[in-house]
Every structure is written in structure tokens, then in C-alpha cells.
PDB file of N, CA and C in Angstrom:
ATOM      1  N   GLN A   1     -10.171 -37.306  12.151  1.00  0.00           N
ATOM      2  CA  GLN A   1      -9.396 -37.610  10.960  1.00  0.00           C
ATOM      3  C   GLN A   1      -9.273 -36.366  10.081  1.00  0.00           C
ATOM      4  N   VAL A   2      -8.058 -36.037   9.721  1.00  0.00           N
ATOM      5  CA  VAL A   2      -7.805 -34.855   8.902  1.00  0.00           C
ATOM      6  C   VAL A   2      -8.004 -35.199   7.428  1.00  0.00           C
ATOM      7  N   GLN A   3      -8.785 -34.379   6.740  1.00  0.00           N
ATOM      8  CA  GLN A   3      -9.001 -34.569   5.307  1.00  0.00           C
ATOM      9  C   GLN A   3      -8.994 -33.225   4.596  1.00  0.00           C
ATOM     10  N   LEU A   4      -8.417 -33.206   3.405  1.00  0.00           N
ATOM     11  CA  LEU A   4      -8.470 -32.055   2.529  1.00  0.00           C
ATOM     12  C   LEU A   4      -9.053 -32.517   1.200  1.00  0.00           C
ATOM     13  N   ARG A   5      -9.934 -31.713   0.630  1.00  0.00           N
ATOM     14  CA  ARG A   5     -10.584 -32.103  -0.620  1.00  0.00           C
ATOM     15  C   ARG A   5     -10.654 -30.908  -1.565  1.00  0.00           C
ATOM     16  N   GLU A   6     -10.075 -31.078  -2.742  1.00  0.00           N
ATOM     17  CA  GLU A   6     -10.119 -30.039  -3.765  1.00  0.00           C
ATOM     18  C   GLU A   6     -11.392 -30.180  -4.600  1.00  0.00           C
ATOM     19  N   SER A   7     -11.954 -29.067  -4.982  1.00  0.00           N
ATOM     20  CA  SER A   7     -13.122 -29.092  -5.860  1.00  0.00           C
ATOM     21  C   SER A   7     -13.052 -27.919  -6.829  1.00  0.00           C
ATOM     22  N   GLY A   8     -13.668 -28.114  -7.983  1.00  0.00           N
ATOM     23  CA  GLY A   8     -13.660 -27.088  -9.011  1.00  0.00           C
ATOM     24  C   GLY A   8     -13.806 -27.724 -10.375  1.00  0.00           C
ATOM     25  N   PRO A   9     -13.696 -26.925 -11.424  1.00  0.00           N
ATOM     26  CA  PRO A   9     -13.888 -27.440 -12.779  1.00  0.00           C
ATOM     27  C   PRO A   9     -12.697 -28.265 -13.235  1.00  0.00           C
ATOM     28  N   SER A  10     -12.963 -29.246 -14.065  1.00  0.00           N
ATOM     29  CA  SER A  10     -11.883 -30.044 -14.642  1.00  0.00           C
ATOM     30  C   SER A  10     -11.433 -29.493 -15.991  1.00  0.00           C
ATOM     31  N   LEU A  11     -12.230 -28.598 -16.568  1.00  0.00           N
ATOM     32  CA  LEU A  11     -11.897 -28.008 -17.863  1.00  0.00           C
ATOM     33  C   LEU A  11     -12.159 -26.507 -17.820  1.00  0.00           C
ATOM     34  N   VAL A  12     -11.160 -25.741 -18.225  1.00  0.00           N
ATOM     35  CA  VAL A  12     -11.265 -24.282 -18.268  1.00  0.00           C
ATOM     36  C   VAL A  12     -10.754 -23.812 -19.623  1.00  0.00           C
ATOM     37  N   LYS A  13     -11.409 -22.827 -20.188  1.00  0.00           N
ATOM     38  CA  LYS A  13     -10.983 -22.300 -21.481  1.00  0.00           C
ATOM     39  C   LYS A  13      -9.847 -21.287 -21.305  1.00  0.00           C
ATOM     40  N   PRO A  14      -8.946 -21.209 -22.265  1.00  0.00           N
ATOM     41  CA  PRO A  14      -7.878 -20.203 -22.206  1.00  0.00           C
ATOM     42  C   PRO A  14      -8.444 -18.802 -22.013  1.00  0.00           C
ATOM     43  N   SER A  15      -7.727 -18.008 -21.249  1.00  0.00           N
ATOM     44  CA  SER A  15      -8.051 -16.620 -20.891  1.00  0.00           C
ATOM     45  C   SER A  15      -9.086 -16.512 -19.775  1.00  0.00           C
ATOM     46  N   GLN A  16      -9.719 -17.624 -19.409  1.00  0.00           N
ATOM     47  CA  GLN A  16     -10.691 -17.580 -18.323  1.00  0.00           C
ATOM     48  C   GLN A  16     -10.000 -17.661 -16.960  1.00  0.00           C
ATOM     49  N   THR A  17     -10.801 -17.624 -15.916  1.00  0.00           N
ATOM     50  CA  THR A  17     -10.289 -17.711 -14.549  1.00  0.00           C
ATOM     51  C   THR A  17     -10.563 -19.092 -13.971  1.00  0.00           C
ATOM     52  N   LEU A  18      -9.534 -19.679 -13.406  1.00  0.00           N
ATOM     53  CA  LEU A  18      -9.659 -20.962 -12.718  1.00  0.00           C
ATOM     54  C   LEU A  18      -9.924 -20.704 -11.242  1.00  0.00           C
ATOM     55  N   SER A  19     -10.995 -21.271 -10.732  1.00  0.00           N
ATOM     56  CA  SER A  19     -11.345 -21.128  -9.319  1.00  0.00           C
ATOM     57  C   SER A  19     -11.445 -22.507  -8.685  1.00  0.00           C
ATOM     58  N   LEU A  20     -10.633 -22.732  -7.657  1.00  0.00           N
ATOM     59  CA  LEU A  20     -10.626 -24.002  -6.942  1.00  0.00           C
ATOM     60  C   LEU A  20     -10.867 -23.755  -5.461  1.00  0.00           C
ATOM     61  N   THR A  21     -11.447 -24.749  -4.814  1.00  0.00           N
ATOM     62  CA  THR A  21     -11.703 -24.680  -3.381  1.00  0.00           C
ATOM     63  C   THR A  21     -11.103 -25.897  -2.698  1.00  0.00           C
ATOM     64  N   CYS A  22     -10.484 -25.668  -1.565  1.00  0.00           N
ATOM     65  CA  CYS A  22      -9.976 -26.740  -0.715  1.00  0.00           C
ATOM     66  C   CYS A  22     -10.781 -26.735   0.578  1.00  0.00           C
ATOM     67  N   THR A  23     -11.500 -27.813   0.820  1.00  0.00           N
ATOM     68  CA  THR A  23     -12.283 -27.944   2.044  1.00  0.00           C
ATOM     69  C   THR A  23     -11.512 -28.802   3.039  1.00  0.00           C
ATOM     70  N   VAL A  24     -11.315 -28.251   4.220  1.00  0.00           N
ATOM     71  CA  VAL A  24     -10.498 -28.902   5.248  1.00  0.00           C
ATOM     72  C   VAL A  24     -11.399 -29.391   6.375  1.00  0.00           C
ATOM     73  N   SER A  25     -11.212 -30.629   6.777  1.00  0.00           N
ATOM     74  CA  SER A  25     -11.940 -31.153   7.931  1.00  0.00           C
ATOM     75  C   SER A  25     -10.951 -31.771   8.908  1.00  0.00           C
ATOM     76  N   GLY A  26     -11.286 -31.695  10.172  1.00  0.00           N
ATOM     77  CA  GLY A  26     -10.426 -32.273  11.205  1.00  0.00           C
ATOM     78  C   GLY A  26      -9.374 -31.326  11.732  1.00  0.00           C
ATOM     79  N   LEU A  27      -9.276 -30.140  11.155  1.00  0.00           N
ATOM     80  CA  LEU A  27      -8.345 -29.109  11.601  1.00  0.00           C
ATOM     81  C   LEU A  27      -9.021 -27.752  11.452  1.00  0.00           C
ATOM     82  N   SER A  28      -8.619 -26.803  12.272  1.00  0.00           N
ATOM     83  CA  SER A  28      -9.149 -25.452  12.176  1.00  0.00           C
ATOM     84  C   SER A  28      -8.209 -24.573  11.358  1.00  0.00           C
ATOM     85  N   LEU A  29      -8.771 -23.835  10.414  1.00  0.00           N
ATOM     86  CA  LEU A  29      -7.951 -22.916   9.626  1.00  0.00           C
ATOM     87  C   LEU A  29      -7.436 -21.750  10.460  1.00  0.00           C
ATOM     88  N   ASN A  30      -7.972 -21.598  11.668  1.00  0.00           N
ATOM     89  CA  ASN A  30      -7.454 -20.585  12.581  1.00  0.00           C
ATOM     90  C   ASN A  30      -6.071 -20.940  13.105  1.00  0.00           C
ATOM     91  N   SER A  31      -5.702 -22.213  12.968  1.00  0.00           N
ATOM     92  CA  SER A  31      -4.450 -22.661  13.577  1.00  0.00           C
ATOM     93  C   SER A  31      -3.469 -23.295  12.599  1.00  0.00           C
ATOM     94  N   ILE A  32      -3.849 -23.408  11.336  1.00  0.00           N
ATOM     95  CA  ILE A  32      -2.947 -24.010  10.350  1.00  0.00           C
ATOM     96  C   ILE A  32      -2.896 -23.168   9.080  1.00  0.00           C
ATOM     97  N   GLY A  33      -1.821 -23.343   8.338  1.00  0.00           N
ATOM     98  CA  GLY A  33      -1.704 -22.751   7.017  1.00  0.00           C
ATOM     99  C   GLY A  33      -1.952 -23.802   5.955  1.00  0.00           C
ATOM    100  N   VAL A  34      -2.367 -23.342   4.792  1.00  0.00           N
ATOM    101  CA  VAL A  34      -2.640 -24.240   3.666  1.00  0.00           C
ATOM    102  C   VAL A  34      -1.892 -23.731   2.437  1.00  0.00           C
ATOM    103  N   ILE A  35      -1.305 -24.656   1.700  1.00  0.00           N
ATOM    104  CA  ILE A  35      -0.616 -24.314   0.467  1.00  0.00           C
ATOM    105  C   ILE A  35      -1.308 -24.970  -0.722  1.00  0.00           C
ATOM    106  N   TRP A  36      -1.043 -24.412  -1.886  1.00  0.00           N
ATOM    107  CA  TRP A  36      -1.456 -25.024  -3.146  1.00  0.00           C
ATOM    108  C   TRP A  36      -0.209 -25.409  -3.929  1.00  0.00           C
ATOM    109  N   VAL A  37      -0.241 -26.598  -4.474  1.00  0.00           N
ATOM    110  CA  VAL A  37       0.857 -27.144  -5.267  1.00  0.00           C
ATOM    111  C   VAL A  37       0.238 -27.720  -6.532  1.00  0.00           C
ATOM    112  N   ARG A  38       0.974 -27.684  -7.633  1.00  0.00           N
ATOM    113  CA  ARG A  38       0.451 -28.291  -8.855  1.00  0.00           C
ATOM    114  C   ARG A  38       1.531 -29.109  -9.543  1.00  0.00           C
ATOM    115  N   GLN A  39       1.083 -30.045 -10.350  1.00  0.00           N
ATOM    116  CA  GLN A  39       2.006 -30.884 -11.114  1.00  0.00           C
ATOM    117  C   GLN A  39       1.490 -31.006 -12.537  1.00  0.00           C
ATOM    118  N   ALA A  40       2.201 -30.370 -13.460  1.00  0.00           N
ATOM    119  CA  ALA A  40       1.858 -30.477 -14.871  1.00  0.00           C
ATOM    120  C   ALA A  40       2.245 -31.856 -15.377  1.00  0.00           C
ATOM    121  N   PRO A  41       1.576 -32.345 -16.399  1.00  0.00           N
ATOM    122  CA  PRO A  41       1.885 -33.685 -16.918  1.00  0.00           C
ATOM    123  C   PRO A  41       3.366 -33.830 -17.265  1.00  0.00           C
ATOM    124  N   GLY A  42       3.986 -34.834 -16.687  1.00  0.00           N
ATOM    125  CA  GLY A  42       5.381 -35.120 -16.967  1.00  0.00           C
ATOM    126  C   GLY A  42       6.375 -34.191 -16.309  1.00  0.00           C
ATOM    127  N   LYS A  43       5.898 -33.326 -15.405  1.00  0.00           N
ATOM    128  CA  LYS A  43       6.789 -32.358 -14.766  1.00  0.00           C
ATOM    129  C   LYS A  43       6.789 -32.538 -13.253  1.00  0.00           C
ATOM    130  N   ALA A  44       7.692 -31.825 -12.604  1.00  0.00           N
ATOM    131  CA  ALA A  44       7.830 -31.920 -11.153  1.00  0.00           C
ATOM    132  C   ALA A  44       6.742 -31.110 -10.454  1.00  0.00           C
ATOM    133  N   LEU A  45       6.559 -31.389  -9.173  1.00  0.00           N
ATOM    134  CA  LEU A  45       5.650 -30.589  -8.362  1.00  0.00           C
ATOM    135  C   LEU A  45       6.124 -29.138  -8.330  1.00  0.00           C
ATOM    136  N   GLU A  46       5.168 -28.230  -8.356  1.00  0.00           N
ATOM    137  CA  GLU A  46       5.453 -26.794  -8.344  1.00  0.00           C
ATOM    138  C   GLU A  46       4.625 -26.125  -7.255  1.00  0.00           C
ATOM    139  N   TRP A  47       5.307 -25.435  -6.351  1.00  0.00           N
ATOM    140  CA  TRP A  47       4.607 -24.674  -5.323  1.00  0.00           C
ATOM    141  C   TRP A  47       3.929 -23.476  -5.974  1.00  0.00           C
ATOM    142  N   VAL A  48       2.656 -23.292  -5.690  1.00  0.00           N
ATOM    143  CA  VAL A  48       1.881 -22.207  -6.284  1.00  0.00           C
ATOM    144  C   VAL A  48       1.764 -21.033  -5.322  1.00  0.00           C
ATOM    145  N   GLY A  49       1.391 -21.326  -4.098  1.00  0.00           N
ATOM    146  CA  GLY A  49       1.228 -20.276  -3.103  1.00  0.00           C
ATOM    147  C   GLY A  49       0.562 -20.832  -1.862  1.00  0.00           C
ATOM    148  N   GLY A  50       0.365 -19.972  -0.883  1.00  0.00           N
ATOM    149  CA  GLY A  50      -0.247 -20.438   0.353  1.00  0.00           C
ATOM    150  C   GLY A  50      -0.788 -19.297   1.186  1.00  0.00           C
ATOM    151  N   ILE A  51      -1.489 -19.676   2.229  1.00  0.00           N
ATOM    152  CA  ILE A  51      -2.063 -18.716   3.166  1.00  0.00           C
ATOM    153  C   ILE A  51      -1.871 -19.260   4.571  1.00  0.00           C
ATOM    154  N   ASN A  52      -1.400 -18.409   5.477  1.00  0.00           N
ATOM    155  CA  ASN A  52      -1.122 -18.903   6.823  1.00  0.00           C
ATOM    156  C   ASN A  52      -2.335 -18.731   7.733  1.00  0.00           C
ATOM    157  N   SER A  53      -2.171 -19.136   8.978  1.00  0.00           N
ATOM    158  CA  SER A  53      -3.305 -19.127   9.904  1.00  0.00           C
ATOM    159  C   SER A  53      -3.847 -17.724  10.127  1.00  0.00           C
ATOM    160  N   GLY A  54      -2.975 -16.730  10.013  1.00  0.00           N
ATOM    161  CA  GLY A  54      -3.404 -15.351  10.206  1.00  0.00           C
ATOM    162  C   GLY A  54      -3.968 -14.691   8.969  1.00  0.00           C
ATOM    163  N   GLY A  55      -3.902 -15.383   7.837  1.00  0.00           N
ATOM    164  CA  GLY A  55      -4.464 -14.854   6.607  1.00  0.00           C
ATOM    165  C   GLY A  55      -3.462 -14.214   5.665  1.00  0.00           C
ATOM    166  N   SER A  56      -2.190 -14.205   6.044  1.00  0.00           N
ATOM    167  CA  SER A  56      -1.169 -13.667   5.144  1.00  0.00           C
ATOM    168  C   SER A  56      -0.948 -14.632   3.988  1.00  0.00           C
ATOM    169  N   THR A  57      -0.745 -14.078   2.800  1.00  0.00           N
ATOM    170  CA  THR A  57      -0.610 -14.901   1.607  1.00  0.00           C
ATOM    171  C   THR A  57       0.802 -14.827   1.038  1.00  0.00           C
ATOM    172  N   TYR A  58       1.178 -15.904   0.358  1.00  0.00           N
ATOM    173  CA  TYR A  58       2.493 -16.032  -0.254  1.00  0.00           C
ATOM    174  C   TYR A  58       2.296 -16.668  -1.623  1.00  0.00           C
ATOM    175  N   TYR A  59       2.839 -16.015  -2.650  1.00  0.00           N
ATOM    176  CA  TYR A  59       2.613 -16.468  -4.018  1.00  0.00           C
ATOM    177  C   TYR A  59       3.928 -16.727  -4.744  1.00  0.00           C
ATOM    178  N   LYS A  60       3.914 -17.718  -5.619  1.00  0.00           N
ATOM    179  CA  LYS A  60       5.046 -17.924  -6.513  1.00  0.00           C
ATOM    180  C   LYS A  60       5.205 -16.673  -7.373  1.00  0.00           C
ATOM    181  N   SER A  61       6.433 -16.187  -7.475  1.00  0.00           N
ATOM    182  CA  SER A  61       6.673 -14.914  -8.156  1.00  0.00           C
ATOM    183  C   SER A  61       6.113 -14.893  -9.571  1.00  0.00           C
ATOM    184  N   ALA A  62       6.302 -15.976 -10.297  1.00  0.00           N
ATOM    185  CA  ALA A  62       5.882 -16.022 -11.698  1.00  0.00           C
ATOM    186  C   ALA A  62       4.365 -15.997 -11.858  1.00  0.00           C
ATOM    187  N   LEU A  63       3.634 -16.294 -10.784  1.00  0.00           N
ATOM    188  CA  LEU A  63       2.168 -16.350 -10.849  1.00  0.00           C
ATOM    189  C   LEU A  63       1.503 -15.195 -10.120  1.00  0.00           C
ATOM    190  N   LYS A  64       2.292 -14.389  -9.435  1.00  0.00           N
ATOM    191  CA  LYS A  64       1.754 -13.409  -8.497  1.00  0.00           C
ATOM    192  C   LYS A  64       0.734 -12.463  -9.126  1.00  0.00           C
ATOM    193  N   SER A  65       0.961 -12.078 -10.362  1.00  0.00           N
ATOM    194  CA  SER A  65       0.064 -11.112 -11.003  1.00  0.00           C
ATOM    195  C   SER A  65      -1.282 -11.715 -11.380  1.00  0.00           C
ATOM    196  N   ARG A  66      -1.373 -13.039 -11.388  1.00  0.00           N
ATOM    197  CA  ARG A  66      -2.605 -13.714 -11.818  1.00  0.00           C
ATOM    198  C   ARG A  66      -3.301 -14.477 -10.701  1.00  0.00           C
ATOM    199  N   LEU A  67      -2.689 -14.508  -9.535  1.00  0.00           N
ATOM    200  CA  LEU A  67      -3.107 -15.446  -8.488  1.00  0.00           C
ATOM    201  C   LEU A  67      -3.673 -14.745  -7.263  1.00  0.00           C
ATOM    202  N   SER A  68      -4.710 -15.338  -6.706  1.00  0.00           N
ATOM    203  CA  SER A  68      -5.244 -14.892  -5.425  1.00  0.00           C
ATOM    204  C   SER A  68      -5.632 -16.114  -4.599  1.00  0.00           C
ATOM    205  N   ILE A  69      -5.245 -16.117  -3.330  1.00  0.00           N
ATOM    206  CA  ILE A  69      -5.621 -17.182  -2.402  1.00  0.00           C
ATOM    207  C   ILE A  69      -6.302 -16.541  -1.202  1.00  0.00           C
ATOM    208  N   THR A  70      -7.479 -17.025  -0.885  1.00  0.00           N
ATOM    209  CA  THR A  70      -8.238 -16.513   0.247  1.00  0.00           C
ATOM    210  C   THR A  70      -8.743 -17.688   1.084  1.00  0.00           C
ATOM    211  N   LYS A  71      -9.260 -17.371   2.260  1.00  0.00           N
ATOM    212  CA  LYS A  71      -9.825 -18.444   3.083  1.00  0.00           C
ATOM    213  C   LYS A  71     -11.058 -17.969   3.818  1.00  0.00           C
ATOM    214  N   ASP A  72     -11.885 -18.938   4.157  1.00  0.00           N
ATOM    215  CA  ASP A  72     -13.112 -18.725   4.918  1.00  0.00           C
ATOM    216  C   ASP A  72     -13.041 -19.653   6.120  1.00  0.00           C
ATOM    217  N   ASN A  73     -12.622 -19.096   7.249  1.00  0.00           N
ATOM    218  CA  ASN A  73     -12.429 -19.935   8.434  1.00  0.00           C
ATOM    219  C   ASN A  73     -13.712 -20.625   8.879  1.00  0.00           C
ATOM    220  N   SER A  74     -14.824 -19.923   8.769  1.00  0.00           N
ATOM    221  CA  SER A  74     -16.080 -20.480   9.281  1.00  0.00           C
ATOM    222  C   SER A  74     -16.535 -21.692   8.480  1.00  0.00           C
ATOM    223  N   ASN A  75     -16.195 -21.727   7.198  1.00  0.00           N
ATOM    224  CA  ASN A  75     -16.566 -22.858   6.354  1.00  0.00           C
ATOM    225  C   ASN A  75     -15.408 -23.801   6.090  1.00  0.00           C
ATOM    226  N   SER A  76     -14.279 -23.522   6.723  1.00  0.00           N
ATOM    227  CA  SER A  76     -13.080 -24.366   6.586  1.00  0.00           C
ATOM    228  C   SER A  76     -12.683 -24.555   5.123  1.00  0.00           C
ATOM    229  N   GLN A  77     -12.678 -23.442   4.391  1.00  0.00           N
ATOM    230  CA  GLN A  77     -12.352 -23.505   2.969  1.00  0.00           C
ATOM    231  C   GLN A  77     -11.258 -22.509   2.600  1.00  0.00           C
ATOM    232  N   VAL A  78     -10.370 -22.969   1.729  1.00  0.00           N
ATOM    233  CA  VAL A  78      -9.340 -22.112   1.142  1.00  0.00           C
ATOM    234  C   VAL A  78      -9.571 -22.096  -0.361  1.00  0.00           C
ATOM    235  N   SER A  79      -9.596 -20.907  -0.935  1.00  0.00           N
ATOM    236  CA  SER A  79      -9.896 -20.774  -2.357  1.00  0.00           C
ATOM    237  C   SER A  79      -8.689 -20.257  -3.125  1.00  0.00           C
ATOM    238  N   LEU A  80      -8.543 -20.769  -4.325  1.00  0.00           N
ATOM    239  CA  LEU A  80      -7.503 -20.331  -5.260  1.00  0.00           C
ATOM    240  C   LEU A  80      -8.184 -19.768  -6.490  1.00  0.00           C
ATOM    241  N   SER A  81      -7.724 -18.620  -6.944  1.00  0.00           N
ATOM    242  CA  SER A  81      -8.220 -18.020  -8.175  1.00  0.00           C
ATOM    243  C   SER A  81      -7.023 -17.660  -9.045  1.00  0.00           C
ATOM    244  N   LEU A  82      -6.992 -18.218 -10.247  1.00  0.00           N
ATOM    245  CA  LEU A  82      -5.900 -17.974 -11.185  1.00  0.00           C
ATOM    246  C   LEU A  82      -6.516 -17.465 -12.481  1.00  0.00           C
ATOM    247  N   ASN A  83      -6.222 -16.219 -12.829  1.00  0.00           N
ATOM    248  CA  ASN A  83      -6.867 -15.653 -14.011  1.00  0.00           C
ATOM    249  C   ASN A  83      -5.977 -15.734 -15.246  1.00  0.00           C
ATOM    250  N   SER A  84      -6.579 -15.449 -16.375  1.00  0.00           N
ATOM    251  CA  SER A  84      -5.881 -15.448 -17.670  1.00  0.00           C
ATOM    252  C   SER A  84      -5.114 -16.744 -17.897  1.00  0.00           C
ATOM    253  N   VAL A  85      -5.790 -17.864 -17.685  1.00  0.00           N
ATOM    254  CA  VAL A  85      -5.099 -19.149 -17.784  1.00  0.00           C
ATOM    255  C   VAL A  85      -4.726 -19.459 -19.233  1.00  0.00           C
ATOM    256  N   THR A  86      -3.679 -20.260 -19.377  1.00  0.00           N
ATOM    257  CA  THR A  86      -3.210 -20.748 -20.669  1.00  0.00           C
ATOM    258  C   THR A  86      -3.054 -22.261 -20.559  1.00  0.00           C
ATOM    259  N   PRO A  87      -2.841 -22.944 -21.674  1.00  0.00           N
ATOM    260  CA  PRO A  87      -2.629 -24.391 -21.595  1.00  0.00           C
ATOM    261  C   PRO A  87      -1.475 -24.791 -20.676  1.00  0.00           C
ATOM    262  N   GLU A  88      -0.542 -23.883 -20.431  1.00  0.00           N
ATOM    263  CA  GLU A  88       0.566 -24.188 -19.526  1.00  0.00           C
ATOM    264  C   GLU A  88       0.117 -24.312 -18.072  1.00  0.00           C
ATOM    265  N   ASP A  89      -1.102 -23.875 -17.785  1.00  0.00           N
ATOM    266  CA  ASP A  89      -1.644 -24.020 -16.432  1.00  0.00           C
ATOM    267  C   ASP A  89      -2.337 -25.372 -16.243  1.00  0.00           C
ATOM    268  N   THR A  90      -2.376 -26.176 -17.279  1.00  0.00           N
ATOM    269  CA  THR A  90      -2.911 -27.530 -17.153  1.00  0.00           C
ATOM    270  C   THR A  90      -2.057 -28.321 -16.171  1.00  0.00           C
ATOM    271  N   ALA A  91      -2.698 -28.880 -15.156  1.00  0.00           N
ATOM    272  CA  ALA A  91      -1.960 -29.594 -14.106  1.00  0.00           C
ATOM    273  C   ALA A  91      -2.943 -30.252 -13.154  1.00  0.00           C
ATOM    274  N   THR A  92      -2.413 -31.129 -12.325  1.00  0.00           N
ATOM    275  CA  THR A  92      -3.156 -31.609 -11.167  1.00  0.00           C
ATOM    276  C   THR A  92      -2.851 -30.669 -10.017  1.00  0.00           C
ATOM    277  N   TYR A  93      -3.883 -30.093  -9.441  1.00  0.00           N
ATOM    278  CA  TYR A  93      -3.746 -29.114  -8.357  1.00  0.00           C
ATOM    279  C   TYR A  93      -4.045 -29.796  -7.020  1.00  0.00           C
ATOM    280  N   TYR A  94      -3.142 -29.572  -6.074  1.00  0.00           N
ATOM    281  CA  TYR A  94      -3.275 -30.155  -4.740  1.00  0.00           C
ATOM    282  C   TYR A  94      -3.296 -29.038  -3.699  1.00  0.00           C
ATOM    283  N   CYS A  95      -4.087 -29.233  -2.652  1.00  0.00           N
ATOM    284  CA  CYS A  95      -3.926 -28.413  -1.456  1.00  0.00           C
ATOM    285  C   CYS A  95      -3.339 -29.289  -0.358  1.00  0.00           C
ATOM    286  N   ALA A  96      -2.603 -28.661   0.528  1.00  0.00           N
ATOM    287  CA  ALA A  96      -1.918 -29.395   1.591  1.00  0.00           C
ATOM    288  C   ALA A  96      -1.711 -28.461   2.772  1.00  0.00           C
ATOM    289  N   THR A  97      -1.499 -29.042   3.940  1.00  0.00           N
ATOM    290  CA  THR A  97      -1.206 -28.233   5.116  1.00  0.00           C
ATOM    291  C   THR A  97       0.271 -27.857   5.122  1.00  0.00           C
ATOM    292  N   TYR A  98       0.575 -26.693   5.711  1.00  0.00           N
ATOM    293  CA  TYR A  98       1.960 -26.267   5.852  1.00  0.00           C
ATOM    294  C   TYR A  98       2.763 -27.306   6.626  1.00  0.00           C
ATOM    295  N   VAL A  99       2.169 -27.797   7.694  1.00  0.00           N
ATOM    296  CA  VAL A  99       2.839 -28.785   8.541  1.00  0.00           C
ATOM    297  C   VAL A  99       1.914 -29.978   8.724  1.00  0.00           C
ATOM    298  N   GLY A 100       2.482 -31.100   9.066  1.00  0.00           N
ATOM    299  CA  GLY A 100       1.686 -32.291   9.293  1.00  0.00           C
ATOM    300  C   GLY A 100       1.548 -33.175   8.081  1.00  0.00           C
ATOM    301  N   ASP A 101       1.918 -32.642   6.930  1.00  0.00           N
ATOM    302  CA  ASP A 101       1.962 -33.436   5.701  1.00  0.00           C
ATOM    303  C   ASP A 101       0.611 -34.052   5.348  1.00  0.00           C
ATOM    304  N   PHE A 102      -0.445 -33.262   5.478  1.00  0.00           N
ATOM    305  CA  PHE A 102      -1.760 -33.709   5.025  1.00  0.00           C
ATOM    306  C   PHE A 102      -2.032 -33.114   3.646  1.00  0.00           C
ATOM    307  N   TRP A 103      -2.432 -33.971   2.715  1.00  0.00           N
ATOM    308  CA  TRP A 103      -2.650 -33.567   1.335  1.00  0.00           C
ATOM    309  C   TRP A 103      -4.036 -33.976   0.860  1.00  0.00           C
ATOM    310  N   GLY A 104      -4.576 -33.201  -0.067  1.00  0.00           N
ATOM    311  CA  GLY A 104      -5.762 -33.629  -0.777  1.00  0.00           C
ATOM    312  C   GLY A 104      -5.393 -34.638  -1.850  1.00  0.00           C
ATOM    313  N   GLN A 105      -6.399 -35.212  -2.475  1.00  0.00           N
ATOM    314  CA  GLN A 105      -6.160 -36.212  -3.516  1.00  0.00           C
ATOM    315  C   GLN A 105      -5.740 -35.596  -4.841  1.00  0.00           C
ATOM    316  N   GLY A 106      -5.988 -34.316  -5.000  1.00  0.00           N
ATOM    317  CA  GLY A 106      -5.621 -33.633  -6.229  1.00  0.00           C
ATOM    318  C   GLY A 106      -6.773 -33.565  -7.217  1.00  0.00           C
ATOM    319  N   LEU A 107      -6.737 -32.552  -8.050  1.00  0.00           N
ATOM    320  CA  LEU A 107      -7.770 -32.338  -9.058  1.00  0.00           C
ATOM    321  C   LEU A 107      -7.086 -31.964 -10.366  1.00  0.00           C
ATOM    322  N   LEU A 108      -7.304 -32.767 -11.390  1.00  0.00           N
ATOM    323  CA  LEU A 108      -6.722 -32.483 -12.697  1.00  0.00           C
ATOM    324  C   LEU A 108      -7.544 -31.406 -13.395  1.00  0.00           C
ATOM    325  N   VAL A 109      -6.869 -30.327 -13.750  1.00  0.00           N
ATOM    326  CA  VAL A 109      -7.507 -29.226 -14.471  1.00  0.00           C
ATOM    327  C   VAL A 109      -6.831 -29.086 -15.830  1.00  0.00           C
ATOM    328  N   THR A 110      -7.637 -29.133 -16.871  1.00  0.00           N
ATOM    329  CA  THR A 110      -7.134 -28.981 -18.232  1.00  0.00           C
ATOM    330  C   THR A 110      -7.580 -27.636 -18.782  1.00  0.00           C
ATOM    331  N   VAL A 111      -6.632 -26.900 -19.331  1.00  0.00           N
ATOM    332  CA  VAL A 111      -6.952 -25.629 -19.987  1.00  0.00           C
ATOM    333  C   VAL A 111      -6.936 -25.868 -21.491  1.00  0.00           C
ATOM    334  N   SER A 112      -8.103 -25.788 -22.084  1.00  0.00           N
ATOM    335  CA  SER A 112      -8.235 -26.077 -23.509  1.00  0.00           C
ATOM    336  C   SER A 112      -9.527 -25.461 -24.032  1.00  0.00           C
ATOM    337  N   SER A 113      -9.499 -25.087 -25.289  1.00  0.00           N
ATOM    338  CA  SER A 113     -10.712 -24.547 -25.904  1.00  0.00           C
ATOM    339  C   SER A 113     -11.572 -25.662 -26.494  1.00  0.00           C
TER     340      SER A 113
END
């Protein structure tokens, strides 16, 4: 059974770095890509970025200067790091597979002092 699970803080202060982890089970990160998507309250889903099976990364242009996505194949984890966060980064963050339409349940992250 394929499962993705997001983990990380639910509250981050402005200007700090948001670090999230997506743990994947039932699939090997050697053979699949993983993306991060977020949905701000009352807004549409927004693609954040992703990493493919070979480790190449792709970032939303508007976030590229603040964003890093890495993976650890041995631990089946994909990590997202977003620095200098503002309240506009408040959203539910999801990880998902490039193909196969497997999604995590999502994690609501609030940026507030």
C-alpha cells in the first residue's frame, strides 16, 4: 500500500525557515518523483516544486530564491525547506507522487508571530 505522510511544525514565525518532511512508503524514491503543493486558505492549489527519481529539482519561479527540496532515498524521505517565510506562506502543504496520483493528507502550516 502506497502512503505519503507530511510532518513538520504547524506554526512558524515570520522570517524563520519552514522545514517539512514527506515520508513515502510502498514505493522507492529511486523510481518515482515527488512534488510539493500547497493551498492557502480560500485559494487554489499551488505547485511549489518537486524532485525527480534522479534527484533533479524543479521550483516555482516565485519561490526559487527561498526554496530547497532534497531527498534521502535510504530513508524514503523528501524534505522541503522554505526560508524567510511570511504570513503569505500560510497554507496546507501536500506532498504527492509525480505519477500515480498518490497524495499525503496535508499539513496546515501557519506563519504568525
